[in-house]
Amino acid sequence: MKKSVINEMTLSELNRSETELREEIFRLRFQHHTGQLASPIKLRTTRRNLARVKTRIRAFELGDVQTAAKES
C-alpha cells in the first residue's frame, strides 16, 4: 500500500484497513509457522503497511495538522 493512498483515506477507512491488515498478519504468521508461507517478504510488507496506517490514525487522533500536511 502506497503512502499516497494511505494519506487520502478517511479515518473510518483507516480503521477498516487496520483491522484487515491485523487479520492478514495473523493469517501470514500462521502460514509461516506451518511452513506454508511462500514469501516471507509478504509478512514484512504487511507489518510495515499496518505501521503506516496506525501512524496516520494517530495523526488524526492528535489533530496534528503539520504531520498531515507533511505527509500529503
PDB file of N, CA and C in Angstrom:
ATOM      1  N   MET A   1       0.848  -1.164   0.000  1.00  0.00           N
ATOM      2  CA  MET A   1       0.000   0.000   0.000  1.00  0.00           C
ATOM      3  C   MET A   1       0.900   1.235   0.000  1.00  0.00           C
ATOM      4  N   LYS A   2       0.655   2.125  -0.918  1.00  0.00           N
ATOM      5  CA  LYS A   2       1.496   3.305  -1.028  1.00  0.00           C
ATOM      6  C   LYS A   2       1.099   4.365  -0.009  1.00  0.00           C
ATOM      7  N   LYS A   3       2.067   5.177   0.344  1.00  0.00           N
ATOM      8  CA  LYS A   3       1.855   6.244   1.317  1.00  0.00           C
ATOM      9  C   LYS A   3       0.797   7.232   0.830  1.00  0.00           C
ATOM     10  N   SER A   4       0.796   7.525  -0.461  1.00  0.00           N
ATOM     11  CA  SER A   4      -0.170   8.474  -1.002  1.00  0.00           C
ATOM     12  C   SER A   4      -1.602   7.950  -0.870  1.00  0.00           C
ATOM     13  N   VAL A   5      -1.773   6.644  -1.004  1.00  0.00           N
ATOM     14  CA  VAL A   5      -3.099   6.044  -0.857  1.00  0.00           C
ATOM     15  C   VAL A   5      -3.558   6.151   0.596  1.00  0.00           C
ATOM     16  N   ILE A   6      -2.652   5.882   1.525  1.00  0.00           N
ATOM     17  CA  ILE A   6      -2.982   5.962   2.947  1.00  0.00           C
ATOM     18  C   ILE A   6      -3.340   7.400   3.335  1.00  0.00           C
ATOM     19  N   ASN A   7      -2.625   8.374   2.793  1.00  0.00           N
ATOM     20  CA  ASN A   7      -2.881   9.773   3.131  1.00  0.00           C
ATOM     21  C   ASN A   7      -4.238  10.256   2.644  1.00  0.00           C
ATOM     22  N   GLU A   8      -4.785   9.633   1.627  1.00  0.00           N
ATOM     23  CA  GLU A   8      -6.074  10.048   1.087  1.00  0.00           C
ATOM     24  C   GLU A   8      -7.253   9.384   1.791  1.00  0.00           C
ATOM     25  N   MET A   9      -6.986   8.418   2.659  1.00  0.00           N
ATOM     26  CA  MET A   9      -8.053   7.693   3.350  1.00  0.00           C
ATOM     27  C   MET A   9      -8.660   8.522   4.472  1.00  0.00           C
ATOM     28  N   THR A  10      -9.952   8.279   4.710  1.00  0.00           N
ATOM     29  CA  THR A  10     -10.614   8.903   5.851  1.00  0.00           C
ATOM     30  C   THR A  10     -10.324   8.060   7.092  1.00  0.00           C
ATOM     31  N   LEU A  11     -10.718   8.570   8.244  1.00  0.00           N
ATOM     32  CA  LEU A  11     -10.465   7.856   9.497  1.00  0.00           C
ATOM     33  C   LEU A  11     -11.180   6.509   9.525  1.00  0.00           C
ATOM     34  N   SER A  12     -12.408   6.459   9.044  1.00  0.00           N
ATOM     35  CA  SER A  12     -13.137   5.182   9.047  1.00  0.00           C
ATOM     36  C   SER A  12     -12.490   4.180   8.092  1.00  0.00           C
ATOM     37  N   GLU A  13     -11.999   4.636   6.956  1.00  0.00           N
ATOM     38  CA  GLU A  13     -11.297   3.752   6.028  1.00  0.00           C
ATOM     39  C   GLU A  13      -9.998   3.244   6.638  1.00  0.00           C
ATOM     40  N   LEU A  14      -9.314   4.108   7.364  1.00  0.00           N
ATOM     41  CA  LEU A  14      -8.072   3.707   8.023  1.00  0.00           C
ATOM     42  C   LEU A  14      -8.330   2.646   9.088  1.00  0.00           C
ATOM     43  N   ASN A  15      -9.397   2.831   9.858  1.00  0.00           N
ATOM     44  CA  ASN A  15      -9.734   1.852  10.889  1.00  0.00           C
ATOM     45  C   ASN A  15     -10.080   0.503  10.264  1.00  0.00           C
ATOM     46  N   ARG A  16     -10.818   0.526   9.165  1.00  0.00           N
ATOM     47  CA  ARG A  16     -11.162  -0.706   8.466  1.00  0.00           C
ATOM     48  C   ARG A  16      -9.911  -1.375   7.913  1.00  0.00           C
ATOM     49  N   SER A  17      -9.023  -0.569   7.361  1.00  0.00           N
ATOM     50  CA  SER A  17      -7.778  -1.085   6.809  1.00  0.00           C
ATOM     51  C   SER A  17      -6.907  -1.685   7.909  1.00  0.00           C
ATOM     52  N   GLU A  18      -6.888  -1.052   9.073  1.00  0.00           N
ATOM     53  CA  GLU A  18      -6.110  -1.571  10.198  1.00  0.00           C
ATOM     54  C   GLU A  18      -6.614  -2.958  10.600  1.00  0.00           C
ATOM     55  N   THR A  19      -7.911  -3.113  10.677  1.00  0.00           N
ATOM     56  CA  THR A  19      -8.492  -4.405  11.028  1.00  0.00           C
ATOM     57  C   THR A  19      -8.130  -5.470   9.996  1.00  0.00           C
ATOM     58  N   GLU A  20      -8.236  -5.121   8.727  1.00  0.00           N
ATOM     59  CA  GLU A  20      -7.909  -6.067   7.660  1.00  0.00           C
ATOM     60  C   GLU A  20      -6.436  -6.458   7.693  1.00  0.00           C
ATOM     61  N   LEU A  21      -5.570  -5.482   7.941  1.00  0.00           N
ATOM     62  CA  LEU A  21      -4.140  -5.778   7.994  1.00  0.00           C
ATOM     63  C   LEU A  21      -3.784  -6.650   9.188  1.00  0.00           C
ATOM     64  N   ARG A  22      -4.428  -6.416  10.336  1.00  0.00           N
ATOM     65  CA  ARG A  22      -4.189  -7.264  11.501  1.00  0.00           C
ATOM     66  C   ARG A  22      -4.592  -8.712  11.220  1.00  0.00           C
ATOM     67  N   GLU A  23      -5.736  -8.885  10.555  1.00  0.00           N
ATOM     68  CA  GLU A  23      -6.182 -10.233  10.207  1.00  0.00           C
ATOM     69  C   GLU A  23      -5.219 -10.877   9.207  1.00  0.00           C
ATOM     70  N   GLU A  24      -4.752 -10.090   8.260  1.00  0.00           N
ATOM     71  CA  GLU A  24      -3.797 -10.593   7.265  1.00  0.00           C
ATOM     72  C   GLU A  24      -2.499 -11.041   7.932  1.00  0.00           C
ATOM     73  N   ILE A  25      -2.005 -10.252   8.879  1.00  0.00           N
ATOM     74  CA  ILE A  25      -0.778 -10.608   9.599  1.00  0.00           C
ATOM     75  C   ILE A  25      -0.989 -11.902  10.380  1.00  0.00           C
ATOM     76  N   PHE A  26      -2.154 -12.052  10.995  1.00  0.00           N
ATOM     77  CA  PHE A  26      -2.448 -13.284  11.729  1.00  0.00           C
ATOM     78  C   PHE A  26      -2.383 -14.488  10.790  1.00  0.00           C
ATOM     79  N   ARG A  27      -3.031 -14.375   9.635  1.00  0.00           N
ATOM     80  CA  ARG A  27      -3.025 -15.485   8.670  1.00  0.00           C
ATOM     81  C   ARG A  27      -1.618 -15.780   8.170  1.00  0.00           C
ATOM     82  N   LEU A  28      -0.847 -14.717   7.886  1.00  0.00           N
ATOM     83  CA  LEU A  28       0.511 -14.902   7.389  1.00  0.00           C
ATOM     84  C   LEU A  28       1.411 -15.548   8.446  1.00  0.00           C
ATOM     85  N   ARG A  29       1.263 -15.125   9.699  1.00  0.00           N
ATOM     86  CA  ARG A  29       2.055 -15.736  10.772  1.00  0.00           C
ATOM     87  C   ARG A  29       1.716 -17.209  10.919  1.00  0.00           C
ATOM     88  N   PHE A  30       0.435 -17.523  10.804  1.00  0.00           N
ATOM     89  CA  PHE A  30       0.007 -18.910  10.905  1.00  0.00           C
ATOM     90  C   PHE A  30       0.615 -19.726   9.767  1.00  0.00           C
ATOM     91  N   GLN A  31       0.578 -19.200   8.555  1.00  0.00           N
ATOM     92  CA  GLN A  31       1.170 -19.878   7.406  1.00  0.00           C
ATOM     93  C   GLN A  31       2.677 -20.034   7.586  1.00  0.00           C
ATOM     94  N   HIS A  32       3.314 -19.022   8.139  1.00  0.00           N
ATOM     95  CA  HIS A  32       4.763 -19.063   8.350  1.00  0.00           C
ATOM     96  C   HIS A  32       5.148 -20.194   9.312  1.00  0.00           C
ATOM     97  N   HIS A  33       4.394 -20.311  10.396  1.00  0.00           N
ATOM     98  CA  HIS A  33       4.713 -21.322  11.399  1.00  0.00           C
ATOM     99  C   HIS A  33       4.395 -22.741  10.929  1.00  0.00           C
ATOM    100  N   THR A  34       3.462 -22.862  10.002  1.00  0.00           N
ATOM    101  CA  THR A  34       3.145 -24.195   9.478  1.00  0.00           C
ATOM    102  C   THR A  34       3.953 -24.523   8.238  1.00  0.00           C
ATOM    103  N   GLY A  35       4.785 -23.588   7.803  1.00  0.00           N
ATOM    104  CA  GLY A  35       5.651 -23.832   6.653  1.00  0.00           C
ATOM    105  C   GLY A  35       4.973 -23.654   5.310  1.00  0.00           C
ATOM    106  N   GLN A  36       3.832 -23.002   5.276  1.00  0.00           N
ATOM    107  CA  GLN A  36       3.086 -22.826   4.036  1.00  0.00           C
ATOM    108  C   GLN A  36       3.270 -21.448   3.407  1.00  0.00           C
ATOM    109  N   LEU A  37       3.998 -20.571   4.063  1.00  0.00           N
ATOM    110  CA  LEU A  37       4.179 -19.217   3.548  1.00  0.00           C
ATOM    111  C   LEU A  37       5.203 -19.231   2.418  1.00  0.00           C
ATOM    112  N   ALA A  38       4.760 -18.826   1.236  1.00  0.00           N
ATOM    113  CA  ALA A  38       5.632 -18.872   0.062  1.00  0.00           C
ATOM    114  C   ALA A  38       6.681 -17.761   0.095  1.00  0.00           C
ATOM    115  N   SER A  39       6.276 -16.573   0.548  1.00  0.00           N
ATOM    116  CA  SER A  39       7.192 -15.443   0.534  1.00  0.00           C
ATOM    117  C   SER A  39       7.181 -14.732   1.894  1.00  0.00           C
ATOM    118  N   PRO A  40       8.253 -14.840   2.667  1.00  0.00           N
ATOM    119  CA  PRO A  40       8.311 -14.168   3.966  1.00  0.00           C
ATOM    120  C   PRO A  40       8.303 -12.643   3.845  1.00  0.00           C
ATOM    121  N   ILE A  41       8.635 -12.139   2.676  1.00  0.00           N
ATOM    122  CA  ILE A  41       8.627 -10.691   2.458  1.00  0.00           C
ATOM    123  C   ILE A  41       7.211 -10.140   2.601  1.00  0.00           C
ATOM    124  N   LYS A  42       6.208 -10.938   2.254  1.00  0.00           N
ATOM    125  CA  LYS A  42       4.812 -10.515   2.367  1.00  0.00           C
ATOM    126  C   LYS A  42       4.466 -10.169   3.809  1.00  0.00           C
ATOM    127  N   LEU A  43       4.984 -10.925   4.754  1.00  0.00           N
ATOM    128  CA  LEU A  43       4.736 -10.658   6.169  1.00  0.00           C
ATOM    129  C   LEU A  43       5.350  -9.319   6.573  1.00  0.00           C
ATOM    130  N   ARG A  44       6.563  -9.076   6.132  1.00  0.00           N
ATOM    131  CA  ARG A  44       7.243  -7.822   6.473  1.00  0.00           C
ATOM    132  C   ARG A  44       6.523  -6.612   5.873  1.00  0.00           C
ATOM    133  N   THR A  45       6.131  -6.704   4.612  1.00  0.00           N
ATOM    134  CA  THR A  45       5.464  -5.567   3.978  1.00  0.00           C
ATOM    135  C   THR A  45       4.095  -5.307   4.602  1.00  0.00           C
ATOM    136  N   THR A  46       3.410  -6.356   5.011  1.00  0.00           N
ATOM    137  CA  THR A  46       2.114  -6.182   5.661  1.00  0.00           C
ATOM    138  C   THR A  46       2.278  -5.508   7.015  1.00  0.00           C
ATOM    139  N   ARG A  47       3.315  -5.894   7.758  1.00  0.00           N
ATOM    140  CA  ARG A  47       3.585  -5.234   9.044  1.00  0.00           C
ATOM    141  C   ARG A  47       3.901  -3.754   8.845  1.00  0.00           C
ATOM    142  N   ARG A  48       4.663  -3.459   7.831  1.00  0.00           N
ATOM    143  CA  ARG A  48       5.009  -2.060   7.559  1.00  0.00           C
ATOM    144  C   ARG A  48       3.780  -1.252   7.150  1.00  0.00           C
ATOM    145  N   ASN A  49       2.907  -1.864   6.360  1.00  0.00           N
ATOM    146  CA  ASN A  49       1.676  -1.182   5.981  1.00  0.00           C
ATOM    147  C   ASN A  49       0.808  -0.900   7.204  1.00  0.00           C
ATOM    148  N   LEU A  50       0.753  -1.864   8.119  1.00  0.00           N
ATOM    149  CA  LEU A  50      -0.005  -1.655   9.348  1.00  0.00           C
ATOM    150  C   LEU A  50       0.590  -0.495  10.146  1.00  0.00           C
ATOM    151  N   ALA A  51       1.899  -0.415  10.218  1.00  0.00           N
ATOM    152  CA  ALA A  51       2.552   0.686  10.931  1.00  0.00           C
ATOM    153  C   ALA A  51       2.224   2.026  10.281  1.00  0.00           C
ATOM    154  N   ARG A  52       2.209   2.057   8.959  1.00  0.00           N
ATOM    155  CA  ARG A  52       1.872   3.302   8.256  1.00  0.00           C
ATOM    156  C   ARG A  52       0.439   3.733   8.559  1.00  0.00           C
ATOM    157  N   VAL A  53      -0.478   2.773   8.542  1.00  0.00           N
ATOM    158  CA  VAL A  53      -1.881   3.071   8.816  1.00  0.00           C
ATOM    159  C   VAL A  53      -2.048   3.552  10.253  1.00  0.00           C
ATOM    160  N   LYS A  54      -1.393   2.882  11.198  1.00  0.00           N
ATOM    161  CA  LYS A  54      -1.505   3.278  12.598  1.00  0.00           C
ATOM    162  C   LYS A  54      -0.913   4.667  12.841  1.00  0.00           C
ATOM    163  N   THR A  55       0.158   4.991  12.132  1.00  0.00           N
ATOM    164  CA  THR A  55       0.761   6.319  12.255  1.00  0.00           C
ATOM    165  C   THR A  55      -0.207   7.391  11.771  1.00  0.00           C
ATOM    166  N   ARG A  56      -0.870   7.107  10.663  1.00  0.00           N
ATOM    167  CA  ARG A  56      -1.834   8.070  10.112  1.00  0.00           C
ATOM    168  C   ARG A  56      -3.041   8.224  11.041  1.00  0.00           C
ATOM    169  N   ILE A  57      -3.501   7.124  11.629  1.00  0.00           N
ATOM    170  CA  ILE A  57      -4.618   7.185  12.578  1.00  0.00           C
ATOM    171  C   ILE A  57      -4.230   8.036  13.782  1.00  0.00           C
ATOM    172  N   ARG A  58      -3.024   7.856  14.255  1.00  0.00           N
ATOM    173  CA  ARG A  58      -2.554   8.634  15.408  1.00  0.00           C
ATOM    174  C   ARG A  58      -2.485  10.119  15.076  1.00  0.00           C
ATOM    175  N   ALA A  59      -2.093  10.442  13.860  1.00  0.00           N
ATOM    176  CA  ALA A  59      -2.063  11.845  13.438  1.00  0.00           C
ATOM    177  C   ALA A  59      -3.472  12.434  13.461  1.00  0.00           C
ATOM    178  N   PHE A  60      -4.469  11.651  13.058  1.00  0.00           N
ATOM    179  CA  PHE A  60      -5.859  12.104  13.134  1.00  0.00           C
ATOM    180  C   PHE A  60      -6.270  12.322  14.576  1.00  0.00           C
ATOM    181  N   GLU A  61      -5.904  11.394  15.463  1.00  0.00           N
ATOM    182  CA  GLU A  61      -6.283  11.494  16.870  1.00  0.00           C
ATOM    183  C   GLU A  61      -5.691  12.732  17.524  1.00  0.00           C
ATOM    184  N   LEU A  62      -4.453  13.043  17.183  1.00  0.00           N
ATOM    185  CA  LEU A  62      -3.794  14.189  17.769  1.00  0.00           C
ATOM    186  C   LEU A  62      -4.203  15.494  17.126  1.00  0.00           C
ATOM    187  N   GLY A  63      -4.844  15.393  15.969  1.00  0.00           N
ATOM    188  CA  GLY A  63      -5.190  16.596  15.238  1.00  0.00           C
ATOM    189  C   GLY A  63      -3.941  17.290  14.756  1.00  0.00           C
ATOM    190  N   ASP A  64      -2.933  16.511  14.468  1.00  0.00           N
ATOM    191  CA  ASP A  64      -1.628  17.018  14.078  1.00  0.00           C
ATOM    192  C   ASP A  64      -1.668  17.499  12.624  1.00  0.00           C
ATOM    193  N   VAL A  65      -1.935  18.779  12.460  1.00  0.00           N
ATOM    194  CA  VAL A  65      -2.081  19.352  11.119  1.00  0.00           C
ATOM    195  C   VAL A  65      -0.733  19.349  10.401  1.00  0.00           C
ATOM    196  N   GLN A  66       0.352  19.581  11.124  1.00  0.00           N
ATOM    197  CA  GLN A  66       1.674  19.616  10.489  1.00  0.00           C
ATOM    198  C   GLN A  66       2.016  18.252   9.909  1.00  0.00           C
ATOM    199  N   THR A  67       1.777  17.192  10.650  1.00  0.00           N
ATOM    200  CA  THR A  67       2.078  15.851  10.158  1.00  0.00           C
ATOM    201  C   THR A  67       1.199  15.530   8.950  1.00  0.00           C
ATOM    202  N   ALA A  68      -0.068  15.882   9.030  1.00  0.00           N
ATOM    203  CA  ALA A  68      -0.968  15.605   7.913  1.00  0.00           C
ATOM    204  C   ALA A  68      -0.542  16.403   6.677  1.00  0.00           C
ATOM    205  N   ALA A  69      -0.083  17.636   6.878  1.00  0.00           N
ATOM    206  CA  ALA A  69       0.355  18.447   5.755  1.00  0.00           C
ATOM    207  C   ALA A  69       1.675  17.921   5.181  1.00  0.00           C
ATOM    208  N   LYS A  70       2.572  17.494   6.062  1.00  0.00           N
ATOM    209  CA  LYS A  70       3.870  16.959   5.620  1.00  0.00           C
ATOM    210  C   LYS A  70       3.703  15.681   4.814  1.00  0.00           C
ATOM    211  N   GLU A  71       2.782  14.824   5.265  1.00  0.00           N
ATOM    212  CA  GLU A  71       2.594  13.533   4.625  1.00  0.00           C
ATOM    213  C   GLU A  71       1.847  13.646   3.309  1.00  0.00           C
ATOM    214  N   SER A  72       1.116  14.715   3.107  1.00  0.00           N
ATOM    215  CA  SER A  72       0.342  14.861   1.869  1.00  0.00           C
ATOM    216  C   SER A  72       1.162  15.248   0.698  1.00  0.00           C
TER     217      SER A  72
END
